[in-house]
Every structure is written in C-alpha cells, then in structure tokens.
Amino acid sequence: MGFKVDVKKEAGKWFDYDGIEGVKIRLKIKPRSMYGINLTPGENYQPSTEDIWKMFDYSLIDWEGIDGEDDKPLPCTPEAKFAMINQNDEIGVFVMTKSNEMREGDVTEKQAKNLKKSPDGATPKSEKPLVATA
C-alpha cells in the first residue's frame, strides 16, 4: 500500500462570502499548507506578515464576483489577491478561517484514526494540533 494523495482536495472548494451587502462573491479555497513556512514543532509559532501572505496566496485559488476598475471580472492573480486583501482584509480573514478549518479537519480525522483505546476501554481525547492562525 502506498501513500494516498487526495487530488480533489487540492482542487479546492467554493464558499459564498456575504460580507459585502448587495455583492455576491464566491471564493475557491483549499486547505492551507505549511509548505514554505519555517515552523519548528513545539515552538509557540507567531506567523509573520510574509507567512500569512504565503498561506493566503496558496489557499485562495479562484473567485467570482470580484471586478477590476473597468467593472470586468478580475482574474485571481497574486497581484489581484494582494490588492484585494489590502482593500478588504475581512475577505482575507474569511479565506484564512475557511482554509484553516479545512486543514484542521484533516488533522483531526488523522489523529482520530491513530487513537488507541486505553486499558479501561475509553478512547482518550486528542490534543489540538499545533497550527498557525492568521
């Protein structure tokens, strides 16, 4: 048996963002990754602005309902993401929250599979995994 990779998960999931009245925005988000971030297990990790940007850029993979100055749909490019998050940080918080929830759900499921019953038959509670929050 080999290492399993869920390609569908990396394709992301669509979420409706309703934080701007009268505007329908959909954001395609995938679970965040610690790839490219310096994290030493056991340390009390405080992400830098650069780390948060890397996680945001990685996690937000597409959008609908975000237009450019010309009122035409704006492509979801790193430059457009940067401009968007600078002009509306609430969308950035939404993206990071959803991305973290997706990642934490994966970690929790994996931990649950690895739990062993104690001698008295009770299943021990898992500890919350160390995760970076944005």
N, C-alpha and C. Protein backbone atom coordinates (compact mmCIF):
# COMPACT_ATOMS: atom_id res chain seq x y z
N MET A 1 0.84 -1.16 0.00
CA MET A 1 0.00 0.00 0.00
C MET A 1 0.89 1.24 0.00
N GLY A 2 0.58 2.21 -0.84
CA GLY A 2 1.38 3.42 -0.96
C GLY A 2 0.74 4.61 -0.27
N PHE A 3 1.41 5.72 -0.32
CA PHE A 3 0.93 6.98 0.23
C PHE A 3 -0.23 7.48 -0.62
N LYS A 4 -1.33 7.84 0.01
CA LYS A 4 -2.53 8.27 -0.72
C LYS A 4 -2.56 9.79 -0.80
N VAL A 5 -2.88 10.29 -1.98
CA VAL A 5 -2.99 11.72 -2.22
C VAL A 5 -4.40 12.01 -2.72
N ASP A 6 -5.08 12.95 -2.06
CA ASP A 6 -6.44 13.34 -2.45
C ASP A 6 -6.34 14.55 -3.37
N VAL A 7 -6.30 14.30 -4.67
CA VAL A 7 -6.14 15.36 -5.66
C VAL A 7 -7.36 16.29 -5.64
N LYS A 8 -8.54 15.76 -5.41
CA LYS A 8 -9.76 16.58 -5.38
C LYS A 8 -9.67 17.66 -4.30
N LYS A 9 -9.10 17.32 -3.16
CA LYS A 9 -8.99 18.28 -2.06
C LYS A 9 -8.13 19.46 -2.47
N GLU A 10 -7.07 19.21 -3.22
CA GLU A 10 -6.19 20.29 -3.68
C GLU A 10 -6.87 21.16 -4.72
N ALA A 11 -7.95 20.67 -5.33
CA ALA A 11 -8.68 21.46 -6.31
C ALA A 11 -9.51 22.54 -5.62
N GLY A 12 -9.72 22.42 -4.32
CA GLY A 12 -10.42 23.44 -3.55
C GLY A 12 -11.92 23.24 -3.49
N LYS A 13 -12.55 24.12 -2.73
CA LYS A 13 -13.99 24.07 -2.51
C LYS A 13 -14.52 25.50 -2.57
N TRP A 14 -15.70 25.68 -3.17
CA TRP A 14 -16.29 27.00 -3.29
C TRP A 14 -17.06 27.38 -2.03
N PHE A 15 -16.87 28.64 -1.60
CA PHE A 15 -17.59 29.20 -0.45
C PHE A 15 -18.20 30.54 -0.87
N ASP A 16 -19.42 30.80 -0.39
CA ASP A 16 -20.04 32.10 -0.61
C ASP A 16 -19.60 33.05 0.48
N TYR A 17 -19.18 34.25 0.08
CA TYR A 17 -18.80 35.30 1.03
C TYR A 17 -19.88 36.36 0.97
N ASP A 18 -20.54 36.59 2.09
CA ASP A 18 -21.64 37.56 2.11
C ASP A 18 -21.35 38.77 3.00
N GLY A 19 -20.08 39.10 3.13
CA GLY A 19 -19.68 40.20 4.00
C GLY A 19 -19.87 41.59 3.41
N ILE A 20 -20.24 41.68 2.14
CA ILE A 20 -20.48 42.97 1.50
C ILE A 20 -21.92 42.97 1.01
N GLU A 21 -22.73 43.82 1.62
CA GLU A 21 -24.16 43.84 1.31
C GLU A 21 -24.40 44.14 -0.17
N GLY A 22 -25.25 43.32 -0.79
CA GLY A 22 -25.62 43.50 -2.18
C GLY A 22 -24.61 42.97 -3.18
N VAL A 23 -23.53 42.36 -2.71
CA VAL A 23 -22.50 41.84 -3.61
C VAL A 23 -22.36 40.34 -3.37
N LYS A 24 -22.44 39.58 -4.47
CA LYS A 24 -22.28 38.13 -4.36
C LYS A 24 -20.85 37.77 -4.76
N ILE A 25 -20.12 37.22 -3.80
CA ILE A 25 -18.74 36.80 -4.04
C ILE A 25 -18.62 35.33 -3.70
N ARG A 26 -17.99 34.58 -4.58
CA ARG A 26 -17.68 33.18 -4.32
C ARG A 26 -16.17 33.05 -4.35
N LEU A 27 -15.64 32.31 -3.38
CA LEU A 27 -14.20 32.12 -3.26
C LEU A 27 -13.87 30.64 -3.27
N LYS A 28 -12.94 30.24 -4.09
CA LYS A 28 -12.50 28.85 -4.14
C LYS A 28 -11.25 28.74 -3.29
N ILE A 29 -11.37 27.94 -2.22
CA ILE A 29 -10.33 27.86 -1.20
C ILE A 29 -9.91 26.40 -1.02
N LYS A 30 -8.61 26.23 -0.77
CA LYS A 30 -8.13 24.89 -0.45
C LYS A 30 -7.46 24.93 0.92
N PRO A 31 -7.29 23.76 1.54
CA PRO A 31 -6.66 23.73 2.87
C PRO A 31 -5.29 24.38 2.83
N ARG A 32 -4.99 25.16 3.83
CA ARG A 32 -3.70 25.84 3.89
C ARG A 32 -2.59 24.82 4.01
N SER A 33 -1.41 25.27 3.70
CA SER A 33 -0.23 24.42 3.78
C SER A 33 0.84 25.14 4.57
N MET A 34 1.64 24.38 5.28
CA MET A 34 2.76 24.96 6.00
C MET A 34 4.00 24.97 5.11
N TYR A 35 3.85 24.52 3.86
CA TYR A 35 4.97 24.48 2.93
C TYR A 35 5.55 25.89 2.77
N GLY A 36 6.83 26.00 2.88
CA GLY A 36 7.49 27.28 2.69
C GLY A 36 7.52 28.16 3.92
N ILE A 37 7.01 27.65 5.05
CA ILE A 37 6.99 28.43 6.27
C ILE A 37 7.88 27.75 7.29
N ASN A 38 8.69 28.52 7.97
CA ASN A 38 9.59 27.97 8.97
C ASN A 38 8.84 27.70 10.26
N LEU A 39 8.56 26.45 10.54
CA LEU A 39 7.83 26.06 11.74
C LEU A 39 8.58 24.92 12.39
N THR A 40 8.97 25.11 13.62
CA THR A 40 9.64 24.06 14.37
C THR A 40 8.64 23.49 15.35
N PRO A 41 8.32 22.19 15.27
CA PRO A 41 7.36 21.60 16.19
C PRO A 41 7.69 21.93 17.64
N GLY A 42 6.67 22.28 18.40
CA GLY A 42 6.85 22.57 19.81
C GLY A 42 7.05 24.04 20.11
N GLU A 43 7.38 24.82 19.11
CA GLU A 43 7.56 26.25 19.33
C GLU A 43 6.20 26.94 19.35
N ASN A 44 6.10 28.04 20.06
CA ASN A 44 4.90 28.85 20.03
C ASN A 44 5.00 29.74 18.79
N TYR A 45 4.43 29.29 17.72
CA TYR A 45 4.59 29.91 16.41
C TYR A 45 3.75 31.17 16.27
N GLN A 46 4.37 32.26 15.88
CA GLN A 46 3.70 33.51 15.56
C GLN A 46 4.02 33.82 14.10
N PRO A 47 3.03 33.69 13.20
CA PRO A 47 3.33 33.90 11.78
C PRO A 47 3.69 35.35 11.49
N SER A 48 4.63 35.53 10.58
CA SER A 48 4.99 36.87 10.13
C SER A 48 3.98 37.30 9.06
N THR A 49 4.01 38.56 8.70
CA THR A 49 3.15 39.06 7.63
C THR A 49 3.43 38.31 6.34
N GLU A 50 4.69 38.03 6.09
CA GLU A 50 5.06 37.28 4.88
C GLU A 50 4.49 35.86 4.92
N ASP A 51 4.53 35.20 6.09
CA ASP A 51 3.97 33.86 6.22
C ASP A 51 2.46 33.87 5.97
N ILE A 52 1.78 34.86 6.52
CA ILE A 52 0.33 34.96 6.34
C ILE A 52 0.02 35.17 4.86
N TRP A 53 0.77 36.03 4.20
CA TRP A 53 0.56 36.26 2.77
C TRP A 53 0.77 34.96 1.99
N LYS A 54 1.82 34.22 2.29
CA LYS A 54 2.07 32.96 1.58
C LYS A 54 0.91 31.99 1.75
N MET A 55 0.40 31.87 3.00
CA MET A 55 -0.72 30.96 3.24
C MET A 55 -1.97 31.44 2.51
N PHE A 56 -2.23 32.75 2.53
CA PHE A 56 -3.39 33.31 1.83
C PHE A 56 -3.29 33.07 0.34
N ASP A 57 -2.15 33.40 -0.25
CA ASP A 57 -1.94 33.24 -1.69
C ASP A 57 -2.10 31.77 -2.09
N TYR A 58 -1.58 30.87 -1.29
CA TYR A 58 -1.69 29.43 -1.55
C TYR A 58 -3.14 28.96 -1.44
N SER A 59 -3.85 29.44 -0.43
CA SER A 59 -5.19 28.94 -0.11
C SER A 59 -6.28 29.44 -1.05
N LEU A 60 -6.20 30.70 -1.49
CA LEU A 60 -7.22 31.26 -2.38
C LEU A 60 -6.82 30.96 -3.81
N ILE A 61 -7.62 30.11 -4.48
CA ILE A 61 -7.20 29.69 -5.82
C ILE A 61 -8.08 30.23 -6.95
N ASP A 62 -9.26 30.78 -6.60
CA ASP A 62 -10.11 31.37 -7.63
C ASP A 62 -11.21 32.19 -6.96
N TRP A 63 -11.88 33.01 -7.75
CA TRP A 63 -13.01 33.78 -7.23
C TRP A 63 -13.97 34.14 -8.33
N GLU A 64 -15.17 34.49 -7.90
CA GLU A 64 -16.21 35.02 -8.78
C GLU A 64 -16.82 36.21 -8.05
N GLY A 65 -17.17 37.25 -8.81
CA GLY A 65 -17.81 38.41 -8.21
C GLY A 65 -16.85 39.50 -7.77
N ILE A 66 -15.60 39.40 -8.14
CA ILE A 66 -14.62 40.44 -7.84
C ILE A 66 -14.21 41.06 -9.19
N ASP A 67 -14.48 42.34 -9.31
CA ASP A 67 -14.24 43.05 -10.56
C ASP A 67 -13.09 44.03 -10.43
N GLY A 68 -12.51 44.37 -11.56
CA GLY A 68 -11.45 45.38 -11.62
C GLY A 68 -12.05 46.76 -11.77
N GLU A 69 -11.18 47.74 -11.91
CA GLU A 69 -11.61 49.13 -12.07
C GLU A 69 -12.50 49.34 -13.29
N ASP A 70 -12.37 48.47 -14.30
CA ASP A 70 -13.15 48.58 -15.53
C ASP A 70 -14.49 47.85 -15.43
N ASP A 71 -14.85 47.39 -14.22
CA ASP A 71 -16.09 46.66 -13.97
C ASP A 71 -16.16 45.31 -14.67
N LYS A 72 -15.03 44.80 -15.10
CA LYS A 72 -14.96 43.47 -15.71
C LYS A 72 -14.38 42.51 -14.68
N PRO A 73 -14.75 41.21 -14.76
CA PRO A 73 -14.21 40.23 -13.80
C PRO A 73 -12.68 40.30 -13.73
N LEU A 74 -12.19 40.35 -12.52
CA LEU A 74 -10.75 40.44 -12.27
C LEU A 74 -10.18 39.03 -12.12
N PRO A 75 -9.17 38.66 -12.91
CA PRO A 75 -8.57 37.34 -12.75
C PRO A 75 -7.93 37.21 -11.36
N CYS A 76 -7.96 36.02 -10.82
CA CYS A 76 -7.41 35.74 -9.48
C CYS A 76 -5.91 35.49 -9.59
N THR A 77 -5.16 36.59 -9.69
CA THR A 77 -3.71 36.51 -9.80
C THR A 77 -3.09 36.94 -8.47
N PRO A 78 -1.82 36.62 -8.24
CA PRO A 78 -1.20 37.08 -6.99
C PRO A 78 -1.30 38.60 -6.80
N GLU A 79 -1.12 39.37 -7.89
CA GLU A 79 -1.21 40.82 -7.79
C GLU A 79 -2.62 41.26 -7.41
N ALA A 80 -3.64 40.63 -8.01
CA ALA A 80 -5.03 40.98 -7.70
C ALA A 80 -5.39 40.55 -6.28
N LYS A 81 -4.89 39.40 -5.84
CA LYS A 81 -5.13 38.95 -4.47
C LYS A 81 -4.55 39.94 -3.47
N PHE A 82 -3.34 40.40 -3.75
CA PHE A 82 -2.67 41.34 -2.87
C PHE A 82 -3.46 42.65 -2.77
N ALA A 83 -3.91 43.16 -3.92
CA ALA A 83 -4.72 44.39 -3.93
C ALA A 83 -6.03 44.17 -3.18
N MET A 84 -6.67 43.04 -3.41
CA MET A 84 -7.95 42.75 -2.78
C MET A 84 -7.82 42.66 -1.26
N ILE A 85 -6.82 41.94 -0.77
CA ILE A 85 -6.66 41.77 0.68
C ILE A 85 -6.27 43.10 1.34
N ASN A 86 -5.54 43.95 0.62
CA ASN A 86 -5.19 45.26 1.16
C ASN A 86 -6.40 46.18 1.24
N GLN A 87 -7.39 45.97 0.36
CA GLN A 87 -8.56 46.83 0.33
C GLN A 87 -9.72 46.27 1.13
N ASN A 88 -9.68 44.97 1.46
CA ASN A 88 -10.73 44.37 2.26
C ASN A 88 -10.13 43.20 3.04
N ASP A 89 -9.60 43.51 4.22
CA ASP A 89 -8.95 42.46 4.99
C ASP A 89 -9.94 41.45 5.56
N GLU A 90 -11.25 41.78 5.59
CA GLU A 90 -12.24 40.82 6.07
C GLU A 90 -12.33 39.61 5.15
N ILE A 91 -12.16 39.82 3.86
CA ILE A 91 -12.15 38.70 2.93
C ILE A 91 -10.93 37.83 3.22
N GLY A 92 -9.81 38.46 3.52
CA GLY A 92 -8.60 37.71 3.87
C GLY A 92 -8.81 36.86 5.10
N VAL A 93 -9.46 37.41 6.11
CA VAL A 93 -9.76 36.65 7.33
C VAL A 93 -10.69 35.49 7.01
N PHE A 94 -11.69 35.72 6.16
CA PHE A 94 -12.62 34.67 5.76
C PHE A 94 -11.87 33.53 5.07
N VAL A 95 -11.01 33.87 4.13
CA VAL A 95 -10.24 32.85 3.40
C VAL A 95 -9.38 32.04 4.36
N MET A 96 -8.65 32.71 5.23
CA MET A 96 -7.76 32.00 6.15
C MET A 96 -8.54 31.15 7.14
N THR A 97 -9.70 31.64 7.59
CA THR A 97 -10.52 30.86 8.51
C THR A 97 -11.00 29.58 7.85
N LYS A 98 -11.55 29.69 6.64
CA LYS A 98 -12.04 28.50 5.92
C LYS A 98 -10.89 27.54 5.62
N SER A 99 -9.76 28.08 5.20
CA SER A 99 -8.61 27.25 4.87
C SER A 99 -8.10 26.51 6.11
N ASN A 100 -8.04 27.21 7.24
CA ASN A 100 -7.61 26.58 8.50
C ASN A 100 -8.59 25.51 8.93
N GLU A 101 -9.90 25.80 8.82
CA GLU A 101 -10.92 24.81 9.19
C GLU A 101 -10.77 23.54 8.35
N MET A 102 -10.51 23.72 7.06
CA MET A 102 -10.34 22.56 6.19
C MET A 102 -9.10 21.77 6.60
N ARG A 103 -8.01 22.44 6.91
CA ARG A 103 -6.76 21.79 7.33
C ARG A 103 -6.93 21.11 8.68
N GLU A 104 -7.53 21.82 9.66
CA GLU A 104 -7.70 21.25 10.99
C GLU A 104 -8.61 20.04 10.96
N GLY A 105 -9.62 20.04 10.09
CA GLY A 105 -10.49 18.88 9.95
C GLY A 105 -9.71 17.67 9.50
N ASP A 106 -8.78 17.86 8.56
CA ASP A 106 -7.94 16.76 8.09
C ASP A 106 -7.07 16.22 9.21
N VAL A 107 -6.44 17.12 9.97
CA VAL A 107 -5.55 16.71 11.05
C VAL A 107 -6.35 15.96 12.11
N THR A 108 -7.51 16.47 12.46
CA THR A 108 -8.34 15.83 13.48
C THR A 108 -8.75 14.42 13.05
N GLU A 109 -9.15 14.26 11.79
CA GLU A 109 -9.53 12.93 11.30
C GLU A 109 -8.35 11.96 11.38
N LYS A 110 -7.18 12.44 10.99
CA LYS A 110 -5.99 11.58 11.05
C LYS A 110 -5.67 11.20 12.49
N GLN A 111 -5.78 12.18 13.39
CA GLN A 111 -5.50 11.89 14.80
C GLN A 111 -6.50 10.87 15.34
N ALA A 112 -7.75 11.03 14.99
CA ALA A 112 -8.79 10.12 15.48
C ALA A 112 -8.51 8.69 15.03
N LYS A 113 -8.03 8.52 13.81
CA LYS A 113 -7.72 7.19 13.31
C LYS A 113 -6.56 6.56 14.07
N ASN A 114 -5.66 7.40 14.58
CA ASN A 114 -4.48 6.90 15.27
C ASN A 114 -4.67 6.72 16.77
N LEU A 115 -5.82 7.12 17.29
CA LEU A 115 -6.06 6.97 18.73
C LEU A 115 -6.22 5.49 19.09
N LYS A 116 -5.68 5.13 20.21
CA LYS A 116 -5.84 3.75 20.69
C LYS A 116 -6.64 3.80 21.98
N LYS A 117 -7.42 2.79 22.18
CA LYS A 117 -8.21 2.72 23.41
C LYS A 117 -7.30 2.44 24.59
N SER A 118 -7.63 3.09 25.71
CA SER A 118 -6.86 2.87 26.92
C SER A 118 -7.25 1.52 27.52
N PRO A 119 -6.49 1.01 28.50
CA PRO A 119 -6.78 -0.29 29.09
C PRO A 119 -8.21 -0.40 29.64
N ASP A 120 -8.81 0.72 30.08
CA ASP A 120 -10.17 0.64 30.61
C ASP A 120 -11.23 0.72 29.51
N GLY A 121 -10.79 0.79 28.23
CA GLY A 121 -11.73 0.77 27.11
C GLY A 121 -12.15 2.15 26.64
N ALA A 122 -11.77 3.18 27.36
CA ALA A 122 -12.16 4.54 26.97
C ALA A 122 -11.22 5.06 25.89
N THR A 123 -11.75 5.85 24.99
CA THR A 123 -10.92 6.45 23.97
C THR A 123 -10.41 7.79 24.49
N PRO A 124 -9.09 7.97 24.54
CA PRO A 124 -8.56 9.23 25.05
C PRO A 124 -8.88 10.39 24.11
N LYS A 125 -8.97 11.59 24.66
CA LYS A 125 -9.21 12.78 23.85
C LYS A 125 -7.89 13.17 23.20
N SER A 126 -7.98 13.57 21.93
CA SER A 126 -6.75 14.01 21.25
C SER A 126 -6.46 15.45 21.62
N GLU A 127 -5.19 15.79 21.59
CA GLU A 127 -4.80 17.17 21.83
C GLU A 127 -4.98 17.94 20.55
N LYS A 128 -5.32 19.22 20.67
CA LYS A 128 -5.46 20.05 19.49
C LYS A 128 -4.09 20.18 18.84
N PRO A 129 -4.02 20.00 17.50
CA PRO A 129 -2.73 20.08 16.83
C PRO A 129 -2.19 21.50 16.83
N LEU A 130 -0.87 21.61 16.74
CA LEU A 130 -0.22 22.91 16.64
C LEU A 130 -0.47 23.43 15.25
N VAL A 131 -1.17 24.56 15.13
CA VAL A 131 -1.46 25.15 13.85
C VAL A 131 -1.19 26.63 13.91
N ALA A 132 -0.83 27.18 12.78
CA ALA A 132 -0.65 28.63 12.71
C ALA A 132 -2.00 29.25 12.45
N THR A 133 -2.32 30.31 13.16
CA THR A 133 -3.57 31.01 12.91
C THR A 133 -3.26 32.36 12.32
N ALA A 134 -4.13 32.77 11.46
CA ALA A 134 -3.91 34.06 10.79
C ALA A 134 -4.99 35.02 11.17
